[in-house]
Amino acid sequence: MFLSTISFFMANAFVKQVAHIPAMETVFFRCIVATAFCVWGLKRAKANLLGTNHLMLVLRGVFGTTALYFFFVTLQQMPIASADDTIPFTDIHRDDRDICAERECAADAMVLLRDCVFGRFADRAV
């Protein structure tokens, strides 16, 4: 668990360090590495590389890449501690205050996304 936490922190820190590279390029190269690991694992397991449910595989790829892109944009635009807080964690002992805090966090993320899409940060020095 600790090793996983350190690994994700280091990956997020590296994304933050290459903020001068467009997020889509970062996603592209990260997906190239992930694809290499997947192909290696599938060949090792002697599984079919193309899968059987093509529609679900395509949808997973599209939605996964889109989510990764928006997460990388968030990492590049926000301080890293705040960006990591945007990842939702579920807890069975939530009360109304936690739900309100999650809604505020989601609203902040939507405002950031709107600002990034419409170029509010385009003139900001990185």
C-alpha atoms as a PDB file:
ATOM      1  CA  MET A   1       0.000   0.000   0.000  1.00  0.00           C
ATOM      2  CA  PHE A   2       2.805   2.386   0.913  1.00  0.00           C
ATOM      3  CA  LEU A   3       4.699   1.541  -2.278  1.00  0.00           C
ATOM      4  CA  SER A   4       1.553   2.202  -4.304  1.00  0.00           C
ATOM      5  CA  THR A   5       1.066   5.582  -2.625  1.00  0.00           C
ATOM      6  CA  ILE A   6       4.679   6.575  -3.285  1.00  0.00           C
ATOM      7  CA  SER A   7       4.400   5.407  -6.904  1.00  0.00           C
ATOM      8  CA  PHE A   8       1.267   7.477  -7.580  1.00  0.00           C
ATOM      9  CA  PHE A   9       2.806  10.504  -5.853  1.00  0.00           C
ATOM     10  CA  MET A  10       5.934  10.226  -7.993  1.00  0.00           C
ATOM     11  CA  ALA A  11       3.855   9.851 -11.181  1.00  0.00           C
ATOM     12  CA  ASN A  12       1.821  12.943 -10.270  1.00  0.00           C
ATOM     13  CA  ALA A  13       4.976  14.874  -9.417  1.00  0.00           C
ATOM     14  CA  PHE A  14       6.497  13.972 -12.805  1.00  0.00           C
ATOM     15  CA  VAL A  15       3.333  15.154 -14.572  1.00  0.00           C
ATOM     16  CA  LYS A  16       3.607  18.420 -12.632  1.00  0.00           C
ATOM     17  CA  GLN A  17       7.268  18.786 -13.679  1.00  0.00           C
ATOM     18  CA  VAL A  18       6.438  18.498 -17.381  1.00  0.00           C
ATOM     19  CA  ALA A  19       3.690  21.110 -17.258  1.00  0.00           C
ATOM     20  CA  HIS A  20       5.324  22.845 -20.241  1.00  0.00           C
ATOM     21  CA  ILE A  21       4.392  19.826 -22.400  1.00  0.00           C
ATOM     22  CA  PRO A  22       0.721  19.759 -23.459  1.00  0.00           C
ATOM     23  CA  ALA A  23      -1.384  17.356 -21.397  1.00  0.00           C
ATOM     24  CA  MET A  24      -2.461  15.353 -24.444  1.00  0.00           C
ATOM     25  CA  GLU A  25       1.180  14.603 -25.320  1.00  0.00           C
ATOM     26  CA  THR A  26       1.797  13.447 -21.752  1.00  0.00           C
ATOM     27  CA  VAL A  27      -1.294  11.216 -21.934  1.00  0.00           C
ATOM     28  CA  PHE A  28      -0.129   9.822 -25.289  1.00  0.00           C
ATOM     29  CA  PHE A  29       3.288   8.775 -24.005  1.00  0.00           C
ATOM     30  CA  ARG A  30       1.839   7.405 -20.777  1.00  0.00           C
ATOM     31  CA  CYS A  31      -0.610   5.316 -22.812  1.00  0.00           C
ATOM     32  CA  ILE A  32       2.241   4.039 -24.999  1.00  0.00           C
ATOM     33  CA  VAL A  33       4.009   2.728 -21.879  1.00  0.00           C
ATOM     34  CA  ALA A  34       0.753   1.250 -20.515  1.00  0.00           C
ATOM     35  CA  THR A  35       0.081  -0.434 -23.871  1.00  0.00           C
ATOM     36  CA  ALA A  36       3.538  -2.028 -23.837  1.00  0.00           C
ATOM     37  CA  PHE A  37       2.891  -3.464 -20.359  1.00  0.00           C
ATOM     38  CA  CYS A  38      -0.561  -4.704 -21.410  1.00  0.00           C
ATOM     39  CA  VAL A  39       0.750  -6.401 -24.569  1.00  0.00           C
ATOM     40  CA  TRP A  40       3.541  -8.026 -22.565  1.00  0.00           C
ATOM     41  CA  GLY A  41       1.047  -9.293 -19.950  1.00  0.00           C
ATOM     42  CA  LEU A  42      -1.411 -10.560 -22.554  1.00  0.00           C
ATOM     43  CA  LYS A  43       1.309 -12.403 -24.498  1.00  0.00           C
ATOM     44  CA  ARG A  44       2.616 -13.905 -21.272  1.00  0.00           C
ATOM     45  CA  ALA A  45      -0.911 -15.102 -20.396  1.00  0.00           C
ATOM     46  CA  LYS A  46      -1.396 -16.315 -23.996  1.00  0.00           C
ATOM     47  CA  ALA A  47      -4.598 -14.272 -24.253  1.00  0.00           C
ATOM     48  CA  ASN A  48      -6.142 -12.734 -27.356  1.00  0.00           C
ATOM     49  CA  LEU A  49      -4.660  -9.269 -27.958  1.00  0.00           C
ATOM     50  CA  LEU A  50      -7.846  -7.914 -29.575  1.00  0.00           C
ATOM     51  CA  GLY A  51     -10.277  -9.117 -26.922  1.00  0.00           C
ATOM     52  CA  THR A  52     -13.825 -10.277 -27.544  1.00  0.00           C
ATOM     53  CA  ASN A  53     -16.072  -7.326 -26.659  1.00  0.00           C
ATOM     54  CA  HIS A  54     -14.763  -4.651 -29.035  1.00  0.00           C
ATOM     55  CA  LEU A  55     -17.370  -1.999 -28.238  1.00  0.00           C
ATOM     56  CA  MET A  56     -16.627  -2.089 -24.516  1.00  0.00           C
ATOM     57  CA  LEU A  57     -12.888  -2.005 -25.164  1.00  0.00           C
ATOM     58  CA  VAL A  58     -13.236   1.058 -27.402  1.00  0.00           C
ATOM     59  CA  LEU A  59     -15.504   2.831 -24.882  1.00  0.00           C
ATOM     60  CA  ARG A  60     -13.095   2.015 -22.050  1.00  0.00           C
ATOM     61  CA  GLY A  61     -10.227   3.443 -24.081  1.00  0.00           C
ATOM     62  CA  VAL A  62     -12.092   6.630 -24.977  1.00  0.00           C
ATOM     63  CA  PHE A  63     -13.408   7.320 -21.484  1.00  0.00           C
ATOM     64  CA  GLY A  64     -10.147   6.298 -19.811  1.00  0.00           C
ATOM     65  CA  THR A  65      -8.067   8.550 -22.047  1.00  0.00           C
ATOM     66  CA  THR A  66     -10.486  11.453 -21.556  1.00  0.00           C
ATOM     67  CA  ALA A  67     -10.423  11.037 -17.781  1.00  0.00           C
ATOM     68  CA  LEU A  68      -6.625  10.810 -17.761  1.00  0.00           C
ATOM     69  CA  TYR A  69      -6.386  13.953 -19.910  1.00  0.00           C
ATOM     70  CA  PHE A  70      -8.606  15.958 -17.571  1.00  0.00           C
ATOM     71  CA  PHE A  71      -6.716  14.659 -14.529  1.00  0.00           C
ATOM     72  CA  PHE A  72      -3.376  15.667 -16.066  1.00  0.00           C
ATOM     73  CA  VAL A  73      -4.748  19.119 -16.924  1.00  0.00           C
ATOM     74  CA  THR A  74      -5.872  19.416 -13.304  1.00  0.00           C
ATOM     75  CA  LEU A  75      -2.428  18.363 -12.060  1.00  0.00           C
ATOM     76  CA  GLN A  76      -0.737  20.895 -14.324  1.00  0.00           C
ATOM     77  CA  GLN A  77      -3.001  23.818 -13.373  1.00  0.00           C
ATOM     78  CA  MET A  78      -3.422  23.311  -9.613  1.00  0.00           C
ATOM     79  CA  PRO A  79      -0.997  22.860  -6.732  1.00  0.00           C
ATOM     80  CA  ILE A  80      -0.337  19.131  -6.450  1.00  0.00           C
ATOM     81  CA  ALA A  81      -1.835  18.753  -2.960  1.00  0.00           C
ATOM     82  CA  SER A  82      -5.104  20.354  -4.087  1.00  0.00           C
ATOM     83  CA  ALA A  83      -5.213  18.362  -7.323  1.00  0.00           C
ATOM     84  CA  ASP A  84      -4.896  15.064  -5.473  1.00  0.00           C
ATOM     85  CA  ASP A  85      -7.827  16.076  -3.284  1.00  0.00           C
ATOM     86  CA  THR A  86     -10.091  16.100  -6.331  1.00  0.00           C
ATOM     87  CA  ILE A  87      -9.927  12.295  -6.531  1.00  0.00           C
ATOM     88  CA  PRO A  88     -13.090  11.068  -4.798  1.00  0.00           C
ATOM     89  CA  PHE A  89     -12.787   8.609  -1.951  1.00  0.00           C
ATOM     90  CA  THR A  90     -15.826   6.718  -0.755  1.00  0.00           C
ATOM     91  CA  ASP A  91     -16.512   6.229   2.924  1.00  0.00           C
ATOM     92  CA  ILE A  92     -19.481   4.468   4.477  1.00  0.00           C
ATOM     93  CA  HIS A  93     -19.461   6.857   7.446  1.00  0.00           C
ATOM     94  CA  ARG A  94     -20.159  10.063   5.523  1.00  0.00           C
ATOM     95  CA  ASP A  95     -22.482  12.718   6.840  1.00  0.00           C
ATOM     96  CA  ASP A  96     -24.111  15.708   5.135  1.00  0.00           C
ATOM     97  CA  ARG A  97     -21.055  17.922   5.633  1.00  0.00           C
ATOM     98  CA  ASP A  98     -18.858  15.471   3.710  1.00  0.00           C
ATOM     99  CA  ILE A  99     -21.359  15.303   0.856  1.00  0.00           C
ATOM    100  CA  CYS A 100     -21.481  19.112   0.685  1.00  0.00           C
ATOM    101  CA  ALA A 101     -17.673  19.259   0.662  1.00  0.00           C
ATOM    102  CA  GLU A 102     -17.599  16.754  -2.222  1.00  0.00           C
ATOM    103  CA  ARG A 103     -20.111  18.829  -4.170  1.00  0.00           C
ATOM    104  CA  GLU A 104     -18.025  21.966  -3.616  1.00  0.00           C
ATOM    105  CA  CYS A 105     -14.916  20.113  -4.776  1.00  0.00           C
ATOM    106  CA  ALA A 106     -16.746  18.879  -7.887  1.00  0.00           C
ATOM    107  CA  ALA A 107     -18.006  22.412  -8.563  1.00  0.00           C
ATOM    108  CA  ASP A 108     -14.443  23.766  -8.239  1.00  0.00           C
ATOM    109  CA  ALA A 109     -13.203  21.107 -10.661  1.00  0.00           C
ATOM    110  CA  MET A 110     -15.914  22.034 -13.152  1.00  0.00           C
ATOM    111  CA  VAL A 111     -14.978  25.727 -12.917  1.00  0.00           C
ATOM    112  CA  LEU A 112     -11.317  24.832 -13.488  1.00  0.00           C
ATOM    113  CA  LEU A 113     -12.256  22.654 -16.446  1.00  0.00           C
ATOM    114  CA  ARG A 114     -14.380  25.442 -17.940  1.00  0.00           C
ATOM    115  CA  ASP A 115     -11.531  27.926 -17.493  1.00  0.00           C
ATOM    116  CA  CYS A 116      -9.030  25.565 -19.117  1.00  0.00           C
ATOM    117  CA  VAL A 117     -11.278  24.751 -22.047  1.00  0.00           C
ATOM    118  CA  PHE A 118     -12.145  28.375 -22.775  1.00  0.00           C
ATOM    119  CA  GLY A 119      -8.563  29.587 -22.426  1.00  0.00           C
ATOM    120  CA  ARG A 120      -8.617  31.552 -19.205  1.00  0.00           C
ATOM    121  CA  PHE A 121      -5.212  30.090 -18.315  1.00  0.00           C
ATOM    122  CA  ALA A 122      -3.823  30.463 -21.824  1.00  0.00           C
ATOM    123  CA  ASP A 123      -1.936  33.648 -20.962  1.00  0.00           C
ATOM    124  CA  ARG A 124      -0.676  32.357 -17.611  1.00  0.00           C
ATOM    125  CA  ALA A 125       3.074  31.756 -17.394  1.00  0.00           C
ATOM    126  CA  VAL A 126       3.930  28.200 -16.382  1.00  0.00           C
END
